[in-house]
Amino acid sequence: MSKFLLLFIFFTTLNAGHVENDIKRDYIFAKWKKFHKLNKEILHSHGHNAFVDIYLNDIALSPYINKHTHFPKNSIIIKPLYADEEREHLARIVIMIKMAKGYDEAHSNWWYGVYDKTGTKVAYEGKIKSCIECHKIAKQTDYLFTTTVMEEINFQD
């Protein structure tokens, strides 16, 4: 079953949807595990159809924990996508970065990335339509699911 789920995650992120014209960023996230890990227990992400952990940079940490409705520029959220609850089969990592005003005002200036498990090879990046479509239901919390995630994490403690 986990091999099937791993393949499903691979192909769904591979077909992430059309990406609007965007500047190639050449970001590398090889050291993503050095970010602040938010959760202890693995979380199930229905939108990604995977199990995830959440990693945040210093800028995003306090706003995420405190469920702010606006995140500052350069906030970075990274989610490794696992096929299993044991975190044995890492498929990819997905990333959001809050860009400067003017990047994508209609969607609160979030940049999206889908990378391989090393964080060095990009599959998709920029204004990924499937990411935007999913996250737009969380528009009131700056396109992030902070409220539901923090409720689940607080329930774990």
N, C-alpha and C. Protein backbone atom coordinates (compact mmCIF):
# COMPACT_ATOMS: atom_id res chain seq x y z
N MET A 1 0.82 -1.21 0.00
CA MET A 1 0.00 0.00 0.00
C MET A 1 0.86 1.26 0.00
N SER A 2 1.94 1.29 0.80
CA SER A 2 2.74 2.51 0.86
C SER A 2 3.42 2.79 -0.48
N LYS A 3 3.80 1.76 -1.23
CA LYS A 3 4.39 1.99 -2.55
C LYS A 3 3.36 2.62 -3.48
N PHE A 4 2.11 2.17 -3.38
CA PHE A 4 1.05 2.75 -4.20
C PHE A 4 0.86 4.22 -3.84
N LEU A 5 0.79 4.52 -2.54
CA LEU A 5 0.60 5.90 -2.10
C LEU A 5 1.78 6.77 -2.52
N LEU A 6 3.00 6.24 -2.42
CA LEU A 6 4.18 6.98 -2.85
C LEU A 6 4.10 7.31 -4.33
N LEU A 7 3.70 6.36 -5.15
CA LEU A 7 3.54 6.62 -6.58
C LEU A 7 2.43 7.63 -6.83
N PHE A 8 1.34 7.53 -6.07
CA PHE A 8 0.24 8.48 -6.23
C PHE A 8 0.70 9.89 -5.91
N ILE A 9 1.44 10.06 -4.81
CA ILE A 9 1.96 11.38 -4.44
C ILE A 9 2.89 11.89 -5.53
N PHE A 10 3.74 11.02 -6.04
CA PHE A 10 4.68 11.42 -7.09
C PHE A 10 3.94 11.93 -8.31
N PHE A 11 2.94 11.17 -8.77
CA PHE A 11 2.26 11.57 -10.00
C PHE A 11 1.31 12.75 -9.79
N THR A 12 0.71 12.89 -8.62
CA THR A 12 -0.16 14.05 -8.41
C THR A 12 0.64 15.32 -8.30
N THR A 13 1.82 15.27 -7.69
CA THR A 13 2.63 16.48 -7.63
C THR A 13 3.30 16.73 -8.97
N LEU A 14 3.55 15.68 -9.72
CA LEU A 14 4.12 15.84 -11.06
C LEU A 14 3.13 16.55 -11.97
N ASN A 15 1.86 16.29 -11.76
CA ASN A 15 0.81 16.94 -12.54
C ASN A 15 0.17 18.06 -11.74
N ALA A 16 0.99 18.87 -11.12
CA ALA A 16 0.51 19.89 -10.19
C ALA A 16 -0.34 20.96 -10.85
N GLY A 17 -0.36 21.00 -12.12
CA GLY A 17 -1.18 22.00 -12.80
C GLY A 17 -0.31 23.03 -13.48
N HIS A 18 -0.96 23.81 -14.27
CA HIS A 18 -0.28 24.84 -15.04
C HIS A 18 0.34 25.87 -14.12
N VAL A 19 1.53 26.29 -14.45
CA VAL A 19 2.21 27.35 -13.71
C VAL A 19 2.23 28.58 -14.60
N GLU A 20 1.71 29.68 -14.08
CA GLU A 20 1.73 30.93 -14.85
C GLU A 20 3.16 31.37 -15.08
N ASN A 21 3.36 32.20 -16.09
CA ASN A 21 4.69 32.72 -16.34
C ASN A 21 5.22 33.36 -15.07
N ASP A 22 6.42 33.02 -14.72
CA ASP A 22 7.01 33.50 -13.50
C ASP A 22 8.52 33.52 -13.67
N ILE A 23 9.17 34.30 -12.88
CA ILE A 23 10.63 34.36 -12.91
C ILE A 23 11.17 33.09 -12.27
N LYS A 24 12.11 32.44 -12.90
CA LYS A 24 12.73 31.26 -12.30
C LYS A 24 13.55 31.72 -11.10
N ARG A 25 13.33 31.09 -9.98
CA ARG A 25 13.93 31.55 -8.73
C ARG A 25 15.23 30.84 -8.37
N ASP A 26 15.42 29.61 -8.81
CA ASP A 26 16.62 28.82 -8.49
C ASP A 26 16.84 28.68 -6.98
N TYR A 27 15.78 28.51 -6.24
CA TYR A 27 15.91 28.26 -4.81
C TYR A 27 16.40 26.84 -4.58
N ILE A 28 17.13 26.66 -3.51
CA ILE A 28 17.56 25.33 -3.09
C ILE A 28 17.22 25.22 -1.60
N PHE A 29 16.65 24.08 -1.23
CA PHE A 29 16.22 23.88 0.15
C PHE A 29 16.87 22.63 0.76
N ALA A 30 18.16 22.44 0.48
CA ALA A 30 18.86 21.25 0.94
C ALA A 30 18.91 21.17 2.47
N LYS A 31 18.84 22.30 3.15
CA LYS A 31 18.93 22.32 4.62
C LYS A 31 17.58 22.53 5.28
N TRP A 32 16.50 22.07 4.63
CA TRP A 32 15.16 22.30 5.16
C TRP A 32 14.96 21.69 6.54
N LYS A 33 15.67 20.63 6.87
CA LYS A 33 15.49 20.00 8.19
C LYS A 33 16.05 20.85 9.32
N LYS A 34 16.78 21.91 8.99
CA LYS A 34 17.31 22.81 10.02
C LYS A 34 16.31 23.89 10.41
N PHE A 35 15.20 23.97 9.69
CA PHE A 35 14.12 24.90 10.06
C PHE A 35 13.45 24.39 11.34
N HIS A 36 12.58 25.20 11.91
CA HIS A 36 11.84 24.82 13.12
C HIS A 36 10.76 23.80 12.74
N LYS A 37 10.82 22.63 13.34
CA LYS A 37 9.78 21.63 13.10
C LYS A 37 8.62 21.92 14.05
N LEU A 38 7.45 22.10 13.49
CA LEU A 38 6.29 22.54 14.26
C LEU A 38 5.62 21.40 15.01
N ASN A 39 5.49 20.26 14.40
CA ASN A 39 4.73 19.16 14.98
C ASN A 39 5.64 18.03 15.45
N LYS A 40 5.16 17.32 16.48
CA LYS A 40 5.86 16.11 16.94
C LYS A 40 5.31 14.88 16.22
N GLU A 41 4.00 14.77 16.23
CA GLU A 41 3.32 13.65 15.57
C GLU A 41 3.08 14.01 14.11
N ILE A 42 3.12 13.02 13.25
CA ILE A 42 2.87 13.24 11.82
C ILE A 42 1.43 13.73 11.63
N LEU A 43 1.23 14.58 10.66
CA LEU A 43 -0.10 15.12 10.35
C LEU A 43 -0.57 14.53 9.01
N HIS A 44 -1.86 14.34 8.89
CA HIS A 44 -2.39 13.89 7.61
C HIS A 44 -2.90 15.11 6.85
N SER A 45 -2.38 15.31 5.65
CA SER A 45 -2.81 16.41 4.81
C SER A 45 -3.74 15.87 3.74
N HIS A 46 -5.02 16.22 3.86
CA HIS A 46 -5.98 15.76 2.86
C HIS A 46 -5.71 16.40 1.50
N GLY A 47 -5.31 17.66 1.49
CA GLY A 47 -5.04 18.36 0.24
C GLY A 47 -3.87 17.77 -0.53
N HIS A 48 -2.87 17.29 0.21
CA HIS A 48 -1.70 16.69 -0.44
C HIS A 48 -1.84 15.17 -0.56
N ASN A 49 -2.87 14.63 0.06
CA ASN A 49 -3.08 13.18 0.09
C ASN A 49 -1.80 12.48 0.56
N ALA A 50 -1.27 12.98 1.67
CA ALA A 50 -0.02 12.45 2.20
C ALA A 50 0.07 12.76 3.69
N PHE A 51 1.07 12.21 4.32
CA PHE A 51 1.39 12.55 5.69
C PHE A 51 2.49 13.61 5.64
N VAL A 52 2.42 14.58 6.55
CA VAL A 52 3.35 15.71 6.48
C VAL A 52 3.89 16.10 7.85
N ASP A 53 5.03 16.72 7.82
CA ASP A 53 5.55 17.51 8.93
C ASP A 53 5.55 18.94 8.44
N ILE A 54 5.64 19.89 9.36
CA ILE A 54 5.68 21.29 8.97
C ILE A 54 6.93 21.93 9.54
N TYR A 55 7.73 22.51 8.66
CA TYR A 55 8.94 23.21 9.03
C TYR A 55 8.79 24.69 8.68
N LEU A 56 9.25 25.56 9.57
CA LEU A 56 9.10 27.00 9.39
C LEU A 56 10.43 27.71 9.62
N ASN A 57 10.67 28.79 8.87
CA ASN A 57 11.84 29.60 9.17
C ASN A 57 11.51 30.52 10.35
N ASP A 58 12.51 31.25 10.83
CA ASP A 58 12.33 32.13 11.99
C ASP A 58 11.21 33.15 11.78
N ILE A 59 11.11 33.66 10.56
CA ILE A 59 10.12 34.70 10.25
C ILE A 59 8.70 34.17 10.36
N ALA A 60 8.48 32.94 9.94
CA ALA A 60 7.12 32.37 9.92
C ALA A 60 6.70 31.73 11.24
N LEU A 61 7.64 31.42 12.10
CA LEU A 61 7.35 30.63 13.29
C LEU A 61 6.29 31.25 14.20
N SER A 62 6.51 32.45 14.69
CA SER A 62 5.55 33.09 15.60
C SER A 62 4.20 33.34 14.93
N PRO A 63 4.16 33.91 13.72
CA PRO A 63 2.85 34.10 13.09
C PRO A 63 2.07 32.80 12.91
N TYR A 64 2.76 31.71 12.59
CA TYR A 64 2.06 30.43 12.40
C TYR A 64 1.50 29.92 13.72
N ILE A 65 2.35 29.88 14.74
CA ILE A 65 1.91 29.38 16.05
C ILE A 65 0.76 30.22 16.60
N ASN A 66 0.83 31.54 16.40
CA ASN A 66 -0.20 32.44 16.92
C ASN A 66 -1.36 32.67 15.97
N LYS A 67 -1.39 31.89 14.88
CA LYS A 67 -2.49 31.91 13.91
C LYS A 67 -2.78 33.31 13.36
N HIS A 68 -1.73 34.01 13.01
CA HIS A 68 -1.91 35.34 12.44
C HIS A 68 -2.64 35.28 11.10
N THR A 69 -3.26 36.37 10.75
CA THR A 69 -3.98 36.43 9.48
C THR A 69 -3.16 37.10 8.40
N HIS A 70 -1.93 37.47 8.72
CA HIS A 70 -1.01 38.02 7.72
C HIS A 70 0.41 37.60 8.08
N PHE A 71 1.12 37.06 7.09
CA PHE A 71 2.49 36.63 7.30
C PHE A 71 3.45 37.63 6.67
N PRO A 72 4.58 37.87 7.34
CA PRO A 72 5.53 38.83 6.78
C PRO A 72 6.29 38.28 5.57
N LYS A 73 6.79 39.21 4.78
CA LYS A 73 7.63 38.87 3.63
C LYS A 73 8.77 37.96 4.09
N ASN A 74 9.14 37.01 3.25
CA ASN A 74 10.20 36.04 3.49
C ASN A 74 9.84 34.94 4.47
N SER A 75 8.56 34.83 4.85
CA SER A 75 8.13 33.66 5.62
C SER A 75 8.26 32.44 4.72
N ILE A 76 8.78 31.35 5.28
CA ILE A 76 8.93 30.11 4.52
C ILE A 76 8.30 28.97 5.30
N ILE A 77 7.44 28.20 4.60
CA ILE A 77 6.80 27.02 5.16
C ILE A 77 7.18 25.85 4.26
N ILE A 78 7.70 24.80 4.86
CA ILE A 78 8.10 23.61 4.11
C ILE A 78 7.38 22.40 4.68
N LYS A 79 6.81 21.60 3.77
CA LYS A 79 6.15 20.36 4.16
C LYS A 79 6.75 19.20 3.39
N PRO A 80 7.43 18.29 4.07
CA PRO A 80 7.82 17.05 3.41
C PRO A 80 6.59 16.15 3.31
N LEU A 81 6.40 15.53 2.16
CA LEU A 81 5.25 14.65 1.91
C LEU A 81 5.69 13.20 2.03
N TYR A 82 5.09 12.50 2.99
CA TYR A 82 5.42 11.10 3.22
C TYR A 82 4.26 10.21 2.78
N ALA A 83 4.60 9.03 2.32
CA ALA A 83 3.58 8.05 1.92
C ALA A 83 3.07 7.27 3.12
N ASP A 84 3.77 7.35 4.24
CA ASP A 84 3.42 6.53 5.40
C ASP A 84 3.55 7.33 6.69
N GLU A 85 2.84 6.88 7.71
CA GLU A 85 2.87 7.55 9.01
C GLU A 85 4.21 7.41 9.72
N GLU A 86 5.00 6.44 9.33
CA GLU A 86 6.29 6.19 9.98
C GLU A 86 7.40 7.09 9.43
N ARG A 87 7.08 7.88 8.43
CA ARG A 87 8.04 8.80 7.79
C ARG A 87 9.19 8.05 7.10
N GLU A 88 8.91 6.87 6.61
CA GLU A 88 9.95 6.08 5.95
C GLU A 88 10.05 6.36 4.46
N HIS A 89 8.97 6.78 3.84
CA HIS A 89 8.94 6.97 2.38
C HIS A 89 8.64 8.43 2.05
N LEU A 90 9.69 9.23 1.97
CA LEU A 90 9.55 10.64 1.62
C LEU A 90 9.45 10.76 0.11
N ALA A 91 8.38 11.37 -0.36
CA ALA A 91 8.17 11.50 -1.81
C ALA A 91 8.73 12.81 -2.34
N ARG A 92 8.32 13.91 -1.76
CA ARG A 92 8.71 15.25 -2.22
C ARG A 92 8.56 16.22 -1.06
N ILE A 93 9.04 17.44 -1.29
CA ILE A 93 8.74 18.51 -0.34
C ILE A 93 8.02 19.62 -1.11
N VAL A 94 7.10 20.26 -0.41
CA VAL A 94 6.38 21.40 -0.98
C VAL A 94 6.69 22.62 -0.12
N ILE A 95 6.78 23.76 -0.77
CA ILE A 95 7.26 24.97 -0.12
C ILE A 95 6.37 26.15 -0.46
N MET A 96 6.20 27.04 0.50
CA MET A 96 5.57 28.34 0.27
C MET A 96 6.50 29.42 0.80
N ILE A 97 6.67 30.47 0.00
CA ILE A 97 7.47 31.62 0.43
C ILE A 97 6.64 32.88 0.20
N LYS A 98 6.57 33.71 1.22
CA LYS A 98 5.88 34.99 1.09
C LYS A 98 6.81 35.97 0.40
N MET A 99 6.42 36.39 -0.79
CA MET A 99 7.25 37.28 -1.60
C MET A 99 6.89 38.73 -1.32
N ALA A 100 7.63 39.63 -1.93
CA ALA A 100 7.40 41.07 -1.79
C ALA A 100 6.09 41.47 -2.47
N LYS A 101 5.53 42.57 -2.02
CA LYS A 101 4.32 43.09 -2.65
C LYS A 101 4.56 43.24 -4.14
N GLY A 102 3.52 42.91 -4.91
CA GLY A 102 3.62 43.01 -6.35
C GLY A 102 3.89 41.68 -7.04
N TYR A 103 4.28 40.67 -6.27
CA TYR A 103 4.55 39.36 -6.88
C TYR A 103 3.27 38.71 -7.39
N ASP A 104 2.27 38.60 -6.52
CA ASP A 104 0.97 38.02 -6.88
C ASP A 104 -0.05 38.55 -5.89
N GLU A 105 -0.38 39.81 -6.02
CA GLU A 105 -1.27 40.50 -5.09
C GLU A 105 -2.61 39.77 -4.92
N ALA A 106 -3.13 39.20 -5.98
CA ALA A 106 -4.43 38.54 -5.92
C ALA A 106 -4.42 37.33 -4.98
N HIS A 107 -3.23 36.78 -4.69
CA HIS A 107 -3.12 35.60 -3.84
C HIS A 107 -2.11 35.82 -2.71
N SER A 108 -2.09 37.04 -2.22
CA SER A 108 -1.30 37.43 -1.05
C SER A 108 0.21 37.23 -1.23
N ASN A 109 0.67 37.21 -2.49
CA ASN A 109 2.10 37.18 -2.81
C ASN A 109 2.83 35.90 -2.38
N TRP A 110 2.13 34.77 -2.39
CA TRP A 110 2.78 33.51 -2.06
C TRP A 110 3.38 32.87 -3.31
N TRP A 111 4.59 32.40 -3.17
CA TRP A 111 5.29 31.60 -4.17
C TRP A 111 5.19 30.14 -3.71
N TYR A 112 4.97 29.23 -4.64
CA TYR A 112 4.85 27.81 -4.32
C TYR A 112 5.95 27.03 -5.03
N GLY A 113 6.43 25.98 -4.39
CA GLY A 113 7.43 25.13 -5.01
C GLY A 113 7.18 23.67 -4.68
N VAL A 114 7.45 22.81 -5.65
CA VAL A 114 7.41 21.36 -5.47
C VAL A 114 8.81 20.86 -5.83
N TYR A 115 9.47 20.25 -4.87
CA TYR A 115 10.86 19.81 -5.02
C TYR A 115 10.99 18.32 -4.74
N ASP A 116 12.11 17.77 -5.18
CA ASP A 116 12.40 16.38 -4.84
C ASP A 116 12.71 16.31 -3.35
N LYS A 117 12.90 15.10 -2.84
CA LYS A 117 13.08 14.93 -1.39
C LYS A 117 14.38 15.54 -0.86
N THR A 118 15.33 15.82 -1.73
CA THR A 118 16.57 16.47 -1.28
C THR A 118 16.41 17.97 -1.14
N GLY A 119 15.37 18.52 -1.76
CA GLY A 119 15.17 19.96 -1.74
C GLY A 119 16.04 20.70 -2.73
N THR A 120 16.65 19.98 -3.66
CA THR A 120 17.57 20.61 -4.60
C THR A 120 17.07 20.61 -6.05
N LYS A 121 16.14 19.75 -6.37
CA LYS A 121 15.64 19.67 -7.74
C LYS A 121 14.18 20.06 -7.79
N VAL A 122 13.90 21.11 -8.52
CA VAL A 122 12.54 21.65 -8.60
C VAL A 122 11.75 20.91 -9.68
N ALA A 123 10.51 20.57 -9.35
CA ALA A 123 9.58 20.02 -10.35
C ALA A 123 8.68 21.13 -10.86
N TYR A 124 8.16 21.94 -9.95
CA TYR A 124 7.31 23.09 -10.29
C TYR A 124 7.62 24.21 -9.31
N GLU A 125 7.46 25.44 -9.78
CA GLU A 125 7.67 26.57 -8.88
C GLU A 125 6.90 27.77 -9.39
N GLY A 126 6.61 28.68 -8.49
CA GLY A 126 5.97 29.93 -8.87
C GLY A 126 4.50 29.98 -8.51
N LYS A 127 3.70 30.44 -9.43
CA LYS A 127 2.25 30.59 -9.24
C LYS A 127 1.57 29.32 -9.73
N ILE A 128 1.69 28.25 -8.96
CA ILE A 128 1.16 26.95 -9.34
C ILE A 128 -0.35 26.96 -9.12
N LYS A 129 -1.10 26.83 -10.19
CA LYS A 129 -2.56 26.98 -10.12
C LYS A 129 -3.21 26.00 -9.15
N SER A 130 -2.77 24.74 -9.12
CA SER A 130 -3.41 23.78 -8.21
C SER A 130 -3.15 24.15 -6.76
N CYS A 131 -2.00 24.70 -6.45
CA CYS A 131 -1.70 25.15 -5.09
C CYS A 131 -2.59 26.35 -4.73
N ILE A 132 -2.65 27.30 -5.65
CA ILE A 132 -3.47 28.49 -5.43
C ILE A 132 -4.92 28.11 -5.23
N GLU A 133 -5.43 27.22 -6.06
CA GLU A 133 -6.83 26.79 -5.95
C GLU A 133 -7.13 26.18 -4.59
N CYS A 134 -6.26 25.34 -4.11
CA CYS A 134 -6.47 24.70 -2.82
C CYS A 134 -6.36 25.72 -1.68
N HIS A 135 -5.35 26.56 -1.72
CA HIS A 135 -5.09 27.49 -0.63
C HIS A 135 -6.05 28.67 -0.60
N LYS A 136 -6.75 28.93 -1.68
CA LYS A 136 -7.64 30.09 -1.67
C LYS A 136 -8.81 29.92 -0.70
N ILE A 137 -9.12 28.70 -0.30
CA ILE A 137 -10.18 28.52 0.71
C ILE A 137 -9.72 28.99 2.09
N ALA A 138 -8.42 29.22 2.24
CA ALA A 138 -7.87 29.74 3.49
C ALA A 138 -7.46 31.21 3.36
N LYS A 139 -8.13 31.92 2.48
CA LYS A 139 -7.78 33.33 2.21
C LYS A 139 -7.80 34.17 3.48
N GLN A 140 -8.74 33.92 4.38
CA GLN A 140 -8.86 34.73 5.59
C GLN A 140 -7.68 34.57 6.54
N THR A 141 -6.94 33.48 6.40
CA THR A 141 -5.75 33.27 7.23
C THR A 141 -4.49 33.30 6.36
N ASP A 142 -4.47 34.21 5.41
CA ASP A 142 -3.34 34.45 4.52
C ASP A 142 -2.96 33.20 3.72
N TYR A 143 -3.96 32.49 3.26
CA TYR A 143 -3.78 31.33 2.39
C TYR A 143 -3.09 30.15 3.06
N LEU A 144 -3.11 30.15 4.39
CA LEU A 144 -2.52 29.05 5.16
C LEU A 144 -3.59 28.44 6.06
N PHE A 145 -3.44 27.18 6.35
CA PHE A 145 -4.40 26.46 7.18
C PHE A 145 -3.95 26.44 8.64
N THR A 146 -3.50 27.59 9.13
CA THR A 146 -2.91 27.67 10.46
C THR A 146 -3.87 27.27 11.57
N THR A 147 -5.11 27.68 11.48
CA THR A 147 -6.07 27.41 12.56
C THR A 147 -6.28 25.91 12.72
N THR A 148 -6.59 25.22 11.65
CA THR A 148 -6.86 23.77 11.77
C THR A 148 -5.59 23.00 12.11
N VAL A 149 -4.46 23.41 11.57
CA VAL A 149 -3.21 22.72 11.88
C VAL A 149 -2.84 22.91 13.34
N MET A 150 -2.92 24.14 13.85
CA MET A 150 -2.56 24.38 15.24
C MET A 150 -3.52 23.69 16.20
N GLU A 151 -4.79 23.60 15.84
CA GLU A 151 -5.74 22.86 16.67
C GLU A 151 -5.34 21.39 16.74
N GLU A 152 -4.95 20.82 15.62
CA GLU A 152 -4.53 19.42 15.61
C GLU A 152 -3.24 19.22 16.41
N ILE A 153 -2.30 20.14 16.26
CA ILE A 153 -1.04 20.03 17.00
C ILE A 153 -1.28 20.19 18.50
N ASN A 154 -2.09 21.16 18.89
CA ASN A 154 -2.40 21.36 20.31
C ASN A 154 -3.11 20.15 20.89
N PHE A 155 -3.91 19.48 20.07
CA PHE A 155 -4.61 18.28 20.52
C PHE A 155 -3.59 17.17 20.78
N GLN A 156 -2.49 17.14 20.02
CA GLN A 156 -1.46 16.12 20.18
C GLN A 156 -0.73 16.25 21.52
N ASP A 157 -0.55 17.49 21.98
CA ASP A 157 0.26 17.72 23.20
C ASP A 157 -0.40 17.28 24.46
